[in-house]
Amino acid sequence: MSMATLVYTFGDPLNEEKLITGSLRQIDNCTRLYTDEVEMRNGSEFKYRIDSYIQRNSASIENSPNTGQFKIYFIEDNAKRDELRIIYDDPRPVITRLNNIYGDNSVSEVERARKLLFSSKNKLFLRQNMGEDWFRDTTGCLVKLKTLEVRELIGAGFKPLCRDGEYYLTIEDILEYSLGREKLGFMRDLVEDTLDIWKEKLEELDEDILYYYSRNLRMSINSYHSNMNAKRPIVNFRPEVGTLSAVLYTGGVLSHRRKGLFISQPSNKVLKMDAA
């Protein structure tokens, strides 16, 4: 059985203040309602316990090179303890499987991720996740290939596995292939089918483990959208008559940089998988 713990610590793993022990969902549903760590530190739910913990350990904490911080640990079946990122400032609960609780327009995190893995701009979401160990844990399933697909993949430097006269390649390798191709052509169907299998395998997992991956995907989705909506500077801007005043009126900030003008825009764990 999986378990999670939210602690407050100054860096000593043997002297941490346990704040919540329970399911990962329970902890996330608490932390996501706070804007950030500072607000949570000063919230009525934790402030007294943290202040008491600091007072009891004032001598050792005073000599600690670390500042106090929250951490979440996730333990699966009494195995290794993993430290997870904390979800802050997110009003929506993490959705693993759909039911009437979330309404007719809700979409699971896995489905949201599946769509972005295939169609995000410049494949940024796929690239972002391929660098994560937890994501690669979900891509070990073997996918059956067609003859033309085998030839294309071998030509691209991949090595499909042959079993009983049939050829297979892992989800990870197929996504790596997709990452290196601006246009997929006839391989589009393989990538789409592969992502459907990826989603299907995740949804077969135990609820606690599915939640672990779903909340990681949620954070990755949030990060992707945040990066896409970030301020993007306009460079080498040369205004026509009347244009500059219109831009500045909207709230842009004008400054000089080397050549031309610069105007900033106004602010606005998976079990081992078998073949499929």
Protein backbone atom coordinates (compact mmCIF):
# COMPACT_ATOMS: atom_id res chain seq x y z
CA MET A 1 0.00 0.00 0.00
CA SER A 2 1.25 3.49 -0.88
CA MET A 3 1.64 6.27 1.65
CA ALA A 4 2.71 9.90 1.57
CA THR A 5 3.98 12.31 4.22
CA LEU A 6 4.18 16.09 4.27
CA VAL A 7 6.98 17.34 6.54
CA TYR A 8 8.67 20.58 7.51
CA THR A 9 12.44 20.29 7.73
CA PHE A 10 15.72 22.15 8.03
CA GLY A 11 17.59 19.43 6.17
CA ASP A 12 18.10 16.76 8.83
CA PRO A 13 16.13 13.64 7.72
CA LEU A 14 16.22 12.36 11.31
CA ASN A 15 14.60 15.48 12.69
CA GLU A 16 11.64 16.48 10.55
CA GLU A 17 8.21 17.61 11.70
CA LYS A 18 5.51 15.37 10.20
CA LEU A 19 2.48 17.46 9.32
CA ILE A 20 0.27 15.07 7.35
CA THR A 21 0.57 11.32 6.81
CA GLY A 22 -1.94 9.69 4.48
CA SER A 23 -2.66 9.40 0.79
CA LEU A 24 -0.89 11.54 -1.78
CA ARG A 25 -4.29 12.84 -2.90
CA GLN A 26 -5.09 13.99 0.64
CA ILE A 27 -1.85 15.97 0.87
CA ASP A 28 -2.24 17.50 -2.59
CA ASN A 29 -5.78 18.59 -1.80
CA CYS A 30 -4.33 20.54 1.10
CA THR A 31 -1.25 22.12 -0.49
CA ARG A 32 -2.86 23.07 -3.82
CA LEU A 33 -5.12 25.57 -2.05
CA TYR A 34 -2.15 27.67 -0.92
CA THR A 35 -0.54 30.19 -3.26
CA ASP A 36 3.00 29.20 -2.29
CA GLU A 37 5.19 27.86 0.51
CA VAL A 38 5.20 31.19 2.37
CA GLU A 39 1.41 31.32 2.56
CA MET A 40 1.26 27.69 3.68
CA ARG A 41 3.95 28.27 6.31
CA ASN A 42 1.89 31.11 7.80
CA GLY A 43 -1.48 29.41 7.44
CA SER A 44 -3.44 28.51 10.57
CA GLU A 45 -3.28 24.82 9.67
CA PHE A 46 0.50 24.57 10.14
CA LYS A 47 1.88 27.73 11.76
CA TYR A 48 1.52 26.67 15.40
CA ARG A 49 3.07 23.22 14.84
CA ILE A 50 5.99 24.60 12.84
CA ASP A 51 6.70 27.33 15.38
CA SER A 52 6.59 24.73 18.16
CA TYR A 53 8.95 22.45 16.20
CA ILE A 54 11.41 25.33 15.70
CA GLN A 55 11.27 26.26 19.38
CA ARG A 56 11.95 22.68 20.48
CA ASN A 57 14.95 22.41 18.15
CA SER A 58 16.22 25.98 18.28
CA ALA A 59 19.80 25.01 19.13
CA SER A 60 20.33 22.63 16.22
CA ILE A 61 18.32 24.76 13.80
CA GLU A 62 20.36 27.86 14.61
CA ASN A 63 23.50 26.09 13.39
CA SER A 64 21.82 24.61 10.32
CA PRO A 65 22.98 25.91 6.92
CA ASN A 66 19.48 25.27 5.54
CA THR A 67 16.28 27.26 5.79
CA GLY A 68 13.01 25.60 6.71
CA GLN A 69 10.99 24.08 3.89
CA PHE A 70 8.12 21.72 3.17
CA LYS A 71 8.74 18.35 1.56
CA ILE A 72 6.49 15.51 0.38
CA TYR A 73 7.72 11.93 0.56
CA PHE A 74 5.97 9.11 -1.31
CA ILE A 75 6.51 5.48 -0.32
CA GLU A 76 5.18 2.60 -2.41
CA ASP A 77 4.78 -0.77 -0.67
CA ASN A 78 7.39 0.03 2.00
CA ALA A 79 9.99 0.48 -0.72
CA LYS A 80 12.18 3.48 -1.55
CA ARG A 81 11.06 6.90 -0.32
CA ASP A 82 10.76 9.40 -3.18
CA GLU A 83 10.70 13.15 -2.66
CA LEU A 84 8.03 14.83 -4.82
CA ARG A 85 7.40 18.37 -5.94
CA ILE A 86 4.58 20.11 -4.10
CA ILE A 87 1.45 21.31 -5.88
CA TYR A 88 0.64 24.94 -5.06
CA ASP A 89 -1.96 27.37 -6.38
CA ASP A 90 -4.10 24.91 -8.33
CA PRO A 91 -7.87 25.08 -7.76
CA ARG A 92 -8.71 21.88 -9.64
CA PRO A 93 -8.36 18.44 -8.04
CA VAL A 94 -6.22 15.90 -9.90
CA ILE A 95 -8.49 13.65 -11.99
CA THR A 96 -7.49 10.01 -12.45
CA ARG A 97 -10.71 8.42 -13.64
CA LEU A 98 -13.87 10.20 -14.69
CA ASN A 99 -17.05 10.02 -12.65
CA ASN A 100 -20.02 12.24 -11.89
CA ILE A 101 -18.10 14.13 -9.20
CA TYR A 102 -16.17 16.18 -11.74
CA GLY A 103 -18.98 16.94 -14.18
CA ASP A 104 -19.58 16.11 -17.84
CA ASN A 105 -16.82 18.36 -19.22
CA SER A 106 -13.98 17.01 -17.09
CA VAL A 107 -10.98 15.24 -18.61
CA SER A 108 -8.48 12.98 -16.84
CA GLU A 109 -4.88 14.14 -16.50
CA VAL A 110 -3.70 11.17 -18.56
CA GLU A 111 -6.01 12.12 -21.43
CA ARG A 112 -4.95 15.76 -21.28
CA ALA A 113 -1.32 14.64 -21.37
CA ARG A 114 -1.95 12.21 -24.23
CA LYS A 115 -3.24 15.03 -26.43
CA LEU A 116 -0.33 17.31 -25.60
CA LEU A 117 2.25 14.58 -26.12
CA PHE A 118 1.01 14.29 -29.69
CA SER A 119 0.14 17.84 -30.63
CA SER A 120 1.86 20.41 -28.39
CA LYS A 121 3.55 23.29 -30.18
CA ASN A 122 7.00 22.29 -31.45
CA LYS A 123 6.58 19.08 -29.40
CA LEU A 124 7.59 21.01 -26.31
CA PHE A 125 5.41 18.96 -23.96
CA LEU A 126 6.84 15.69 -25.27
CA ARG A 127 10.39 17.02 -25.00
CA GLN A 128 9.70 18.29 -21.47
CA ASN A 129 8.50 14.89 -20.26
CA MET A 130 11.04 12.69 -22.01
CA GLY A 131 13.64 14.14 -19.67
CA GLU A 132 11.77 12.93 -16.55
CA ASP A 133 12.63 9.57 -14.97
CA TRP A 134 9.07 9.08 -13.70
CA PHE A 135 7.71 9.57 -17.21
CA ARG A 136 10.14 7.11 -18.76
CA ASP A 137 8.90 4.57 -16.20
CA THR A 138 5.57 4.64 -18.08
CA THR A 139 7.06 3.98 -21.52
CA GLY A 140 8.44 0.45 -21.25
CA CYS A 141 5.56 -1.34 -23.00
CA LEU A 142 6.32 -3.00 -26.35
CA VAL A 143 4.20 -1.97 -29.33
CA LYS A 144 3.69 -4.25 -32.34
CA LEU A 145 4.94 -2.84 -35.65
CA LYS A 146 3.90 -3.15 -39.27
CA THR A 147 6.42 -3.99 -41.99
CA LEU A 148 6.76 -0.43 -43.32
CA GLU A 149 7.12 0.87 -39.79
CA VAL A 150 9.91 -1.61 -39.08
CA ARG A 151 11.82 -0.47 -42.15
CA GLU A 152 11.38 3.21 -41.30
CA LEU A 153 12.49 2.74 -37.69
CA ILE A 154 15.52 0.65 -38.61
CA GLY A 155 16.48 3.31 -41.16
CA ALA A 156 16.20 5.91 -38.39
CA GLY A 157 18.64 3.98 -36.22
CA PHE A 158 16.25 2.11 -33.92
CA LYS A 159 16.45 -1.62 -33.25
CA PRO A 160 13.02 -3.31 -33.06
CA LEU A 161 12.76 -6.52 -31.07
CA CYS A 162 11.74 -9.65 -32.99
CA ARG A 163 9.50 -12.21 -31.25
CA ASP A 164 8.02 -15.16 -33.11
CA GLY A 165 8.35 -13.40 -36.43
CA GLU A 166 6.73 -10.18 -35.19
CA TYR A 167 8.54 -6.91 -34.55
CA TYR A 168 8.08 -4.64 -31.53
CA LEU A 169 9.50 -1.39 -30.19
CA THR A 170 9.05 0.29 -26.81
CA ILE A 171 6.78 3.29 -26.34
CA GLU A 172 9.85 5.26 -25.30
CA ASP A 173 11.68 4.59 -28.58
CA ILE A 174 8.60 5.40 -30.67
CA LEU A 175 8.21 8.71 -28.85
CA GLU A 176 11.93 9.39 -29.35
CA TYR A 177 11.39 8.80 -33.07
CA SER A 178 8.44 11.21 -33.05
CA LEU A 179 10.52 13.82 -31.25
CA GLY A 180 13.05 13.85 -34.06
CA ARG A 181 10.51 14.28 -36.87
CA GLU A 182 8.77 17.53 -37.75
CA LYS A 183 6.29 15.63 -39.92
CA LEU A 184 5.34 12.01 -39.23
CA GLY A 185 3.79 11.09 -42.57
CA PHE A 186 2.65 7.47 -42.66
CA MET A 187 4.10 6.97 -39.15
CA ARG A 188 1.41 9.21 -37.67
CA ASP A 189 -0.90 6.25 -37.04
CA LEU A 190 1.81 4.39 -35.12
CA VAL A 191 2.48 7.37 -32.82
CA GLU A 192 -1.24 7.91 -32.19
CA ASP A 193 -1.79 4.21 -31.46
CA THR A 194 1.27 4.20 -29.20
CA LEU A 195 -0.11 7.05 -27.10
CA ASP A 196 -3.47 5.26 -26.86
CA ILE A 197 -1.63 2.20 -25.51
CA TRP A 198 0.34 4.41 -23.12
CA LYS A 199 -2.90 5.82 -21.74
CA GLU A 200 -4.55 2.39 -21.54
CA LYS A 201 -1.63 0.89 -19.60
CA LEU A 202 -1.60 3.75 -17.12
CA GLU A 203 -5.33 3.46 -16.50
CA GLU A 204 -4.91 -0.24 -15.65
CA LEU A 205 -2.76 0.66 -12.64
CA ASP A 206 -3.81 0.60 -9.00
CA GLU A 207 -5.54 3.88 -8.05
CA ASP A 208 -2.74 5.09 -5.74
CA ILE A 209 -0.06 4.58 -8.40
CA LEU A 210 -2.27 6.03 -11.14
CA TYR A 211 -2.75 9.08 -8.91
CA TYR A 212 1.04 9.42 -8.50
CA TYR A 213 1.53 9.60 -12.27
CA SER A 214 -1.59 11.71 -12.82
CA ARG A 215 -0.42 14.40 -10.38
CA ASN A 216 3.01 14.44 -12.00
CA LEU A 217 1.33 14.88 -15.38
CA ARG A 218 -0.84 17.67 -13.95
CA MET A 219 2.24 19.54 -12.76
CA SER A 220 3.92 19.00 -16.12
CA ILE A 221 0.83 20.31 -17.93
CA ASN A 222 0.70 23.36 -15.65
CA SER A 223 4.38 24.01 -16.29
CA TYR A 224 3.92 23.68 -20.06
CA HIS A 225 1.03 26.16 -20.16
CA SER A 226 2.90 28.54 -17.87
CA ASN A 227 5.90 28.52 -20.20
CA MET A 228 3.71 29.00 -23.25
CA ASN A 229 1.94 31.97 -21.66
CA ALA A 230 5.09 33.59 -20.31
CA LYS A 231 6.12 37.07 -21.40
CA ARG A 232 7.78 36.88 -24.81
CA PRO A 233 9.81 39.98 -25.72
CA ILE A 234 9.45 41.66 -29.09
CA VAL A 235 12.90 42.38 -30.52
CA ASN A 236 14.16 44.50 -33.43
CA PHE A 237 10.90 46.45 -33.45
CA ARG A 238 10.89 49.46 -35.80
CA PRO A 239 7.65 51.40 -35.37
CA GLU A 240 5.72 53.12 -38.13
CA VAL A 241 4.25 56.55 -37.49
CA GLY A 242 1.72 56.31 -34.64
CA THR A 243 2.51 52.66 -33.84
CA LEU A 244 4.87 53.31 -30.94
CA SER A 245 2.37 55.39 -28.99
CA ALA A 246 -0.30 52.70 -29.47
CA VAL A 247 2.00 49.98 -28.14
CA LEU A 248 3.07 52.01 -25.13
CA TYR A 249 -0.53 52.85 -24.35
CA THR A 250 -1.33 49.15 -23.82
CA GLY A 251 1.21 48.97 -21.00
CA GLY A 252 4.42 47.92 -22.76
CA VAL A 253 7.78 49.01 -21.35
CA LEU A 254 10.26 50.66 -23.69
CA SER A 255 14.03 50.30 -23.40
CA HIS A 256 17.07 50.37 -25.72
CA ARG A 257 19.11 47.27 -26.58
CA ARG A 258 22.07 47.30 -28.96
CA LYS A 259 20.25 47.60 -32.29
CA GLY A 260 16.71 48.86 -32.69
CA LEU A 261 14.17 48.93 -29.90
CA PHE A 262 13.02 46.37 -27.36
CA ILE A 263 9.41 46.39 -26.15
CA SER A 264 8.17 43.92 -23.53
CA GLN A 265 4.58 42.74 -23.82
CA PRO A 266 2.11 43.78 -21.10
CA SER A 267 1.59 41.23 -18.34
CA ASN A 268 -1.44 39.17 -18.61
CA LYS A 269 5.27 4.63 -10.76
CA VAL A 270 4.42 2.10 -13.30
CA LEU A 271 4.88 -1.67 -13.00
CA LYS A 272 6.88 -3.38 -15.77
CA MET A 273 4.74 -3.39 -18.89
CA ASP A 274 4.29 -6.21 -21.34
CA ALA A 275 3.72 -6.14 -25.09
CA ALA A 276 0.58 -4.58 -26.48
